[in-house]
Amino acid sequence: MEITAFVSSDHAHDKMTRKSINGLLILVRSTTEYFLSKHKGAIATSTYGAEFCAMKTVVEEFQSIRYMLCCLGVKIIHG
């Protein structure tokens, strides 16, 4: 089974509060398994910081889904 993850972050998206917005999408085969789009609670000081926070979140969710599938006996394709 193939797992694909997409992540995006928009640094200082909100012009008033300067808070970033993150978007995550994880697909198992071609089915959406996890989707998240939210404003961050803290203000990131750089684009790098905003992207790093978004990547941390998607990796945590990706590992959780991968572990669940492995526990169910599903073979994962490594790429």
PDB file of N, CA and C in Angstrom:
ATOM      1  N   MET A   1       0.844  -1.166   0.000  1.00  0.00           N
ATOM      2  CA  MET A   1       0.000   0.000   0.000  1.00  0.00           C
ATOM      3  C   MET A   1       0.896   1.238   0.000  1.00  0.00           C
ATOM      4  N   GLU A   2       0.521   2.208  -0.739  1.00  0.00           N
ATOM      5  CA  GLU A   2       1.302   3.437  -0.870  1.00  0.00           C
ATOM      6  C   GLU A   2       0.670   4.553  -0.033  1.00  0.00           C
ATOM      7  N   ILE A   3       1.525   5.249   0.736  1.00  0.00           N
ATOM      8  CA  ILE A   3       1.076   6.384   1.537  1.00  0.00           C
ATOM      9  C   ILE A   3       1.774   7.640   1.006  1.00  0.00           C
ATOM     10  N   THR A   4       1.000   8.677   0.726  1.00  0.00           N
ATOM     11  CA  THR A   4       1.543   9.921   0.199  1.00  0.00           C
ATOM     12  C   THR A   4       1.131  11.075   1.112  1.00  0.00           C
ATOM     13  N   ALA A   5       2.059  11.986   1.364  1.00  0.00           N
ATOM     14  CA  ALA A   5       1.760  13.135   2.220  1.00  0.00           C
ATOM     15  C   ALA A   5       2.098  14.430   1.498  1.00  0.00           C
ATOM     16  N   PHE A   6       1.235  15.425   1.659  1.00  0.00           N
ATOM     17  CA  PHE A   6       1.452  16.759   1.121  1.00  0.00           C
ATOM     18  C   PHE A   6       1.342  17.753   2.271  1.00  0.00           C
ATOM     19  N   VAL A   7       2.191  18.748   2.270  1.00  0.00           N
ATOM     20  CA  VAL A   7       2.167  19.754   3.334  1.00  0.00           C
ATOM     21  C   VAL A   7       2.449  21.127   2.732  1.00  0.00           C
ATOM     22  N   SER A   8       1.791  22.146   3.281  1.00  0.00           N
ATOM     23  CA  SER A   8       2.018  23.507   2.832  1.00  0.00           C
ATOM     24  C   SER A   8       1.814  24.455   4.004  1.00  0.00           C
ATOM     25  N   SER A   9       2.528  25.558   3.976  1.00  0.00           N
ATOM     26  CA  SER A   9       2.391  26.556   5.029  1.00  0.00           C
ATOM     27  C   SER A   9       2.456  27.940   4.400  1.00  0.00           C
ATOM     28  N   ASP A  10       1.618  28.823   4.903  1.00  0.00           N
ATOM     29  CA  ASP A  10       1.602  30.204   4.425  1.00  0.00           C
ATOM     30  C   ASP A  10       1.999  31.098   5.596  1.00  0.00           C
ATOM     31  N   HIS A  11       3.228  31.562   5.587  1.00  0.00           N
ATOM     32  CA  HIS A  11       3.756  32.388   6.679  1.00  0.00           C
ATOM     33  C   HIS A  11       3.039  33.726   6.730  1.00  0.00           C
ATOM     34  N   ALA A  12       2.588  34.107   7.914  1.00  0.00           N
ATOM     35  CA  ALA A  12       1.915  35.392   8.167  1.00  0.00           C
ATOM     36  C   ALA A  12       0.718  35.588   7.241  1.00  0.00           C
ATOM     37  N   HIS A  13      -0.075  34.548   7.092  1.00  0.00           N
ATOM     38  CA  HIS A  13      -1.248  34.583   6.204  1.00  0.00           C
ATOM     39  C   HIS A  13      -2.239  35.669   6.610  1.00  0.00           C
ATOM     40  N   ASP A  14      -2.536  35.741   7.892  1.00  0.00           N
ATOM     41  CA  ASP A  14      -3.479  36.744   8.397  1.00  0.00           C
ATOM     42  C   ASP A  14      -2.753  38.083   8.559  1.00  0.00           C
ATOM     43  N   LYS A  15      -3.163  39.078   7.828  1.00  0.00           N
ATOM     44  CA  LYS A  15      -2.471  40.375   7.821  1.00  0.00           C
ATOM     45  C   LYS A  15      -2.590  41.123   9.149  1.00  0.00           C
ATOM     46  N   MET A  16      -3.654  40.870   9.914  1.00  0.00           N
ATOM     47  CA  MET A  16      -3.835  41.563  11.190  1.00  0.00           C
ATOM     48  C   MET A  16      -3.005  40.933  12.306  1.00  0.00           C
ATOM     49  N   THR A  17      -3.083  39.595  12.451  1.00  0.00           N
ATOM     50  CA  THR A  17      -2.401  38.921  13.555  1.00  0.00           C
ATOM     51  C   THR A  17      -1.040  38.364  13.158  1.00  0.00           C
ATOM     52  N   ARG A  18      -0.755  38.294  11.854  1.00  0.00           N
ATOM     53  CA  ARG A  18       0.500  37.749  11.308  1.00  0.00           C
ATOM     54  C   ARG A  18       0.669  36.263  11.601  1.00  0.00           C
ATOM     55  N   LYS A  19      -0.425  35.552  11.895  1.00  0.00           N
ATOM     56  CA  LYS A  19      -0.351  34.117  12.162  1.00  0.00           C
ATOM     57  C   LYS A  19      -0.316  33.344  10.852  1.00  0.00           C
ATOM     58  N   SER A  20       0.375  32.209  10.890  1.00  0.00           N
ATOM     59  CA  SER A  20       0.509  31.356   9.717  1.00  0.00           C
ATOM     60  C   SER A  20      -0.673  30.397   9.618  1.00  0.00           C
ATOM     61  N   ILE A  21      -0.835  29.817   8.431  1.00  0.00           N
ATOM     62  CA  ILE A  21      -1.846  28.787   8.223  1.00  0.00           C
ATOM     63  C   ILE A  21      -1.136  27.574   7.625  1.00  0.00           C
ATOM     64  N   ASN A  22      -1.478  26.382   8.117  1.00  0.00           N
ATOM     65  CA  ASN A  22      -0.874  25.143   7.639  1.00  0.00           C
ATOM     66  C   ASN A  22      -1.925  24.282   6.971  1.00  0.00           C
ATOM     67  N   GLY A  23      -1.505  23.540   5.967  1.00  0.00           N
ATOM     68  CA  GLY A  23      -2.374  22.586   5.303  1.00  0.00           C
ATOM     69  C   GLY A  23      -1.661  21.250   5.173  1.00  0.00           C
ATOM     70  N   LEU A  24      -2.346  20.163   5.561  1.00  0.00           N
ATOM     71  CA  LEU A  24      -1.787  18.822   5.485  1.00  0.00           C
ATOM     72  C   LEU A  24      -2.776  17.915   4.773  1.00  0.00           C
ATOM     73  N   LEU A  25      -2.249  16.996   3.981  1.00  0.00           N
ATOM     74  CA  LEU A  25      -3.079  16.006   3.305  1.00  0.00           C
ATOM     75  C   LEU A  25      -2.291  14.708   3.244  1.00  0.00           C
ATOM     76  N   ILE A  26      -2.867  13.627   3.779  1.00  0.00           N
ATOM     77  CA  ILE A  26      -2.230  12.311   3.711  1.00  0.00           C
ATOM     78  C   ILE A  26      -3.179  11.375   2.993  1.00  0.00           C
ATOM     79  N   LEU A  27      -2.655  10.725   1.949  1.00  0.00           N
ATOM     80  CA  LEU A  27      -3.436   9.789   1.146  1.00  0.00           C
ATOM     81  C   LEU A  27      -2.920   8.379   1.343  1.00  0.00           C
ATOM     82  N   VAL A  28      -3.834   7.425   1.507  1.00  0.00           N
ATOM     83  CA  VAL A  28      -3.497   6.005   1.487  1.00  0.00           C
ATOM     84  C   VAL A  28      -4.095   5.489   0.194  1.00  0.00           C
ATOM     85  N   ARG A  29      -3.189   5.025  -0.701  1.00  0.00           N
ATOM     86  CA  ARG A  29      -3.508   4.801  -2.113  1.00  0.00           C
ATOM     87  C   ARG A  29      -3.977   6.130  -2.670  1.00  0.00           C
ATOM     88  N   SER A  30      -5.224   6.250  -3.058  1.00  0.00           N
ATOM     89  CA  SER A  30      -5.702   7.546  -3.554  1.00  0.00           C
ATOM     90  C   SER A  30      -6.862   8.062  -2.693  1.00  0.00           C
ATOM     91  N   THR A  31      -7.003   7.508  -1.485  1.00  0.00           N
ATOM     92  CA  THR A  31      -8.075   7.896  -0.581  1.00  0.00           C
ATOM     93  C   THR A  31      -7.544   8.821   0.504  1.00  0.00           C
ATOM     94  N   THR A  32      -8.245   9.910   0.744  1.00  0.00           N
ATOM     95  CA  THR A  32      -7.831  10.841   1.795  1.00  0.00           C
ATOM     96  C   THR A  32      -7.983  10.166   3.146  1.00  0.00           C
ATOM     97  N   GLU A  33      -6.876  10.072   3.866  1.00  0.00           N
ATOM     98  CA  GLU A  33      -6.879   9.477   5.206  1.00  0.00           C
ATOM     99  C   GLU A  33      -6.860  10.562   6.277  1.00  0.00           C
ATOM    100  N   TYR A  34      -6.164  11.659   6.014  1.00  0.00           N
ATOM    101  CA  TYR A  34      -6.047  12.726   6.998  1.00  0.00           C
ATOM    102  C   TYR A  34      -5.953  14.067   6.283  1.00  0.00           C
ATOM    103  N   PHE A  35      -6.724  15.041   6.754  1.00  0.00           N
ATOM    104  CA  PHE A  35      -6.706  16.380   6.176  1.00  0.00           C
ATOM    105  C   PHE A  35      -6.770  17.384   7.316  1.00  0.00           C
ATOM    106  N   LEU A  36      -5.954  18.417   7.230  1.00  0.00           N
ATOM    107  CA  LEU A  36      -5.957  19.455   8.260  1.00  0.00           C
ATOM    108  C   LEU A  36      -5.619  20.790   7.625  1.00  0.00           C
ATOM    109  N   SER A  37      -6.377  21.796   7.980  1.00  0.00           N
ATOM    110  CA  SER A  37      -6.084  23.164   7.569  1.00  0.00           C
ATOM    111  C   SER A  37      -6.434  24.055   8.749  1.00  0.00           C
ATOM    112  N   LYS A  38      -5.418  24.702   9.338  1.00  0.00           N
ATOM    113  CA  LYS A  38      -5.696  25.512  10.519  1.00  0.00           C
ATOM    114  C   LYS A  38      -4.700  26.640  10.690  1.00  0.00           C
ATOM    115  N   HIS A  39      -5.156  27.667  11.382  1.00  0.00           N
ATOM    116  CA  HIS A  39      -4.284  28.776  11.766  1.00  0.00           C
ATOM    117  C   HIS A  39      -3.455  28.325  12.955  1.00  0.00           C
ATOM    118  N   LYS A  40      -2.203  28.697  12.970  1.00  0.00           N
ATOM    119  CA  LYS A  40      -1.341  28.359  14.099  1.00  0.00           C
ATOM    120  C   LYS A  40      -1.642  29.292  15.258  1.00  0.00           C
ATOM    121  N   GLY A  41      -1.493  28.768  16.476  1.00  0.00           N
ATOM    122  CA  GLY A  41      -1.758  29.551  17.677  1.00  0.00           C
ATOM    123  C   GLY A  41      -0.660  30.555  17.979  1.00  0.00           C
ATOM    124  N   ALA A  42       0.559  30.243  17.527  1.00  0.00           N
ATOM    125  CA  ALA A  42       1.704  31.125  17.781  1.00  0.00           C
ATOM    126  C   ALA A  42       2.124  31.811  16.483  1.00  0.00           C
ATOM    127  N   ILE A  43       2.858  32.876  16.633  1.00  0.00           N
ATOM    128  CA  ILE A  43       3.333  33.604  15.463  1.00  0.00           C
ATOM    129  C   ILE A  43       4.732  33.107  15.111  1.00  0.00           C
ATOM    130  N   ALA A  44       4.892  32.606  13.890  1.00  0.00           N
ATOM    131  CA  ALA A  44       6.209  32.157  13.427  1.00  0.00           C
ATOM    132  C   ALA A  44       7.015  33.376  13.001  1.00  0.00           C
ATOM    133  N   THR A  45       8.306  33.360  13.300  1.00  0.00           N
ATOM    134  CA  THR A  45       9.139  34.516  12.980  1.00  0.00           C
ATOM    135  C   THR A  45       9.697  34.466  11.569  1.00  0.00           C
ATOM    136  N   SER A  46       9.525  33.324  10.888  1.00  0.00           N
ATOM    137  CA  SER A  46      10.053  33.209   9.531  1.00  0.00           C
ATOM    138  C   SER A  46       9.273  32.160   8.752  1.00  0.00           C
ATOM    139  N   THR A  47       9.455  32.181   7.444  1.00  0.00           N
ATOM    140  CA  THR A  47       8.856  31.165   6.591  1.00  0.00           C
ATOM    141  C   THR A  47       9.407  29.799   6.945  1.00  0.00           C
ATOM    142  N   TYR A  48      10.706  29.735   7.238  1.00  0.00           N
ATOM    143  CA  TYR A  48      11.341  28.475   7.619  1.00  0.00           C
ATOM    144  C   TYR A  48      10.677  27.889   8.857  1.00  0.00           C
ATOM    145  N   GLY A  49      10.410  28.701   9.859  1.00  0.00           N
ATOM    146  CA  GLY A  49       9.779  28.246  11.089  1.00  0.00           C
ATOM    147  C   GLY A  49       8.377  27.715  10.842  1.00  0.00           C
ATOM    148  N   ALA A  50       7.605  28.404  10.004  1.00  0.00           N
ATOM    149  CA  ALA A  50       6.246  27.982   9.689  1.00  0.00           C
ATOM    150  C   ALA A  50       6.252  26.654   8.938  1.00  0.00           C
ATOM    151  N   GLU A  51       7.152  26.516   7.962  1.00  0.00           N
ATOM    152  CA  GLU A  51       7.261  25.272   7.193  1.00  0.00           C
ATOM    153  C   GLU A  51       7.725  24.123   8.083  1.00  0.00           C
ATOM    154  N   PHE A  52       8.662  24.400   8.978  1.00  0.00           N
ATOM    155  CA  PHE A  52       9.190  23.376   9.865  1.00  0.00           C
ATOM    156  C   PHE A  52       8.088  22.841  10.793  1.00  0.00           C
ATOM    157  N   CYS A  53       7.267  23.719  11.333  1.00  0.00           N
ATOM    158  CA  CYS A  53       6.156  23.305  12.193  1.00  0.00           C
ATOM    159  C   CYS A  53       5.147  22.452  11.424  1.00  0.00           C
ATOM    160  N   ALA A  54       4.840  22.842  10.196  1.00  0.00           N
ATOM    161  CA  ALA A  54       3.906  22.078   9.371  1.00  0.00           C
ATOM    162  C   ALA A  54       4.479  20.700   9.043  1.00  0.00           C
ATOM    163  N   MET A  55       5.777  20.637   8.739  1.00  0.00           N
ATOM    164  CA  MET A  55       6.403  19.363   8.411  1.00  0.00           C
ATOM    165  C   MET A  55       6.427  18.440   9.630  1.00  0.00           C
ATOM    166  N   LYS A  56       6.674  18.989  10.803  1.00  0.00           N
ATOM    167  CA  LYS A  56       6.674  18.192  12.036  1.00  0.00           C
ATOM    168  C   LYS A  56       5.310  17.536  12.232  1.00  0.00           C
ATOM    169  N   THR A  57       4.247  18.290  12.033  1.00  0.00           N
ATOM    170  CA  THR A  57       2.894  17.764  12.205  1.00  0.00           C
ATOM    171  C   THR A  57       2.589  16.660  11.209  1.00  0.00           C
ATOM    172  N   VAL A  58       2.948  16.854   9.941  1.00  0.00           N
ATOM    173  CA  VAL A  58       2.635  15.841   8.925  1.00  0.00           C
ATOM    174  C   VAL A  58       3.454  14.569   9.156  1.00  0.00           C
ATOM    175  N   VAL A  59       4.692  14.682   9.624  1.00  0.00           N
ATOM    176  CA  VAL A  59       5.504  13.496   9.902  1.00  0.00           C
ATOM    177  C   VAL A  59       4.903  12.700  11.061  1.00  0.00           C
ATOM    178  N   GLU A  60       4.449  13.391  12.103  1.00  0.00           N
ATOM    179  CA  GLU A  60       3.821  12.704  13.231  1.00  0.00           C
ATOM    180  C   GLU A  60       2.573  11.945  12.791  1.00  0.00           C
ATOM    181  N   GLU A  61       1.721  12.571  11.992  1.00  0.00           N
ATOM    182  CA  GLU A  61       0.503  11.915  11.512  1.00  0.00           C
ATOM    183  C   GLU A  61       0.830  10.777  10.561  1.00  0.00           C
ATOM    184  N   PHE A  62       1.832  10.976   9.694  1.00  0.00           N
ATOM    185  CA  PHE A  62       2.257   9.959   8.744  1.00  0.00           C
ATOM    186  C   PHE A  62       2.724   8.709   9.488  1.00  0.00           C
ATOM    187  N   GLN A  63       3.553   8.892  10.526  1.00  0.00           N
ATOM    188  CA  GLN A  63       4.056   7.763  11.304  1.00  0.00           C
ATOM    189  C   GLN A  63       2.916   7.039  12.020  1.00  0.00           C
ATOM    190  N   SER A  64       1.952   7.782  12.511  1.00  0.00           N
ATOM    191  CA  SER A  64       0.812   7.185  13.191  1.00  0.00           C
ATOM    192  C   SER A  64       0.000   6.306  12.243  1.00  0.00           C
ATOM    193  N   ILE A  65      -0.273   6.805  11.052  1.00  0.00           N
ATOM    194  CA  ILE A  65      -1.033   6.040  10.061  1.00  0.00           C
ATOM    195  C   ILE A  65      -0.242   4.818   9.611  1.00  0.00           C
ATOM    196  N   ARG A  66       1.053   4.996   9.380  1.00  0.00           N
ATOM    197  CA  ARG A  66       1.909   3.884   8.962  1.00  0.00           C
ATOM    198  C   ARG A  66       1.940   2.789  10.020  1.00  0.00           C
ATOM    199  N   TYR A  67       2.063   3.173  11.286  1.00  0.00           N
ATOM    200  CA  TYR A  67       2.087   2.210  12.378  1.00  0.00           C
ATOM    201  C   TYR A  67       0.758   1.454  12.464  1.00  0.00           C
ATOM    202  N   MET A  68      -0.361   2.174  12.331  1.00  0.00           N
ATOM    203  CA  MET A  68      -1.670   1.542  12.371  1.00  0.00           C
ATOM    204  C   MET A  68      -1.815   0.504  11.257  1.00  0.00           C
ATOM    205  N   LEU A  69      -1.388   0.863  10.034  1.00  0.00           N
ATOM    206  CA  LEU A  69      -1.482  -0.067   8.913  1.00  0.00           C
ATOM    207  C   LEU A  69      -0.584  -1.286   9.118  1.00  0.00           C
ATOM    208  N   CYS A  70       0.618  -1.063   9.654  1.00  0.00           N
ATOM    209  CA  CYS A  70       1.531  -2.195   9.931  1.00  0.00           C
ATOM    210  C   CYS A  70       0.927  -3.126  10.972  1.00  0.00           C
ATOM    211  N   CYS A  71       0.276  -2.582  11.994  1.00  0.00           N
ATOM    212  CA  CYS A  71      -0.374  -3.399  13.023  1.00  0.00           C
ATOM    213  C   CYS A  71      -1.523  -4.222  12.450  1.00  0.00           C
ATOM    214  N   LEU A  72      -2.152  -3.709  11.408  1.00  0.00           N
ATOM    215  CA  LEU A  72      -3.237  -4.427  10.745  1.00  0.00           C
ATOM    216  C   LEU A  72      -2.729  -5.443   9.718  1.00  0.00           C
ATOM    217  N   GLY A  73      -1.401  -5.501   9.542  1.00  0.00           N
ATOM    218  CA  GLY A  73      -0.800  -6.470   8.620  1.00  0.00           C
ATOM    219  C   GLY A  73      -0.731  -6.008   7.179  1.00  0.00           C
ATOM    220  N   VAL A  74      -0.888  -4.725   6.951  1.00  0.00           N
ATOM    221  CA  VAL A  74      -0.831  -4.173   5.596  1.00  0.00           C
ATOM    222  C   VAL A  74       0.621  -3.957   5.208  1.00  0.00           C
ATOM    223  N   LYS A  75       0.994  -4.403   4.016  1.00  0.00           N
ATOM    224  CA  LYS A  75       2.363  -4.228   3.529  1.00  0.00           C
ATOM    225  C   LYS A  75       2.501  -2.810   2.958  1.00  0.00           C
ATOM    226  N   ILE A  76       3.521  -2.090   3.420  1.00  0.00           N
ATOM    227  CA  ILE A  76       3.757  -0.698   3.008  1.00  0.00           C
ATOM    228  C   ILE A  76       4.840  -0.668   1.946  1.00  0.00           C
ATOM    229  N   ILE A  77       4.610   0.120   0.886  1.00  0.00           N
ATOM    230  CA  ILE A  77       5.604   0.305  -0.172  1.00  0.00           C
ATOM    231  C   ILE A  77       6.570   1.395   0.277  1.00  0.00           C
ATOM    232  N   HIS A  78       7.859   1.081   0.313  1.00  0.00           N
ATOM    233  CA  HIS A  78       8.897   2.075   0.654  1.00  0.00           C
ATOM    234  C   HIS A  78       9.406   2.699  -0.629  1.00  0.00           C
ATOM    235  N   GLY A  79       9.478   4.030  -0.677  1.00  0.00           N
ATOM    236  CA  GLY A  79       9.903   4.688  -1.900  1.00  0.00           C
ATOM    237  C   GLY A  79      10.997   5.660  -1.715  1.00  0.00           C
TER     238      GLY A  79
END
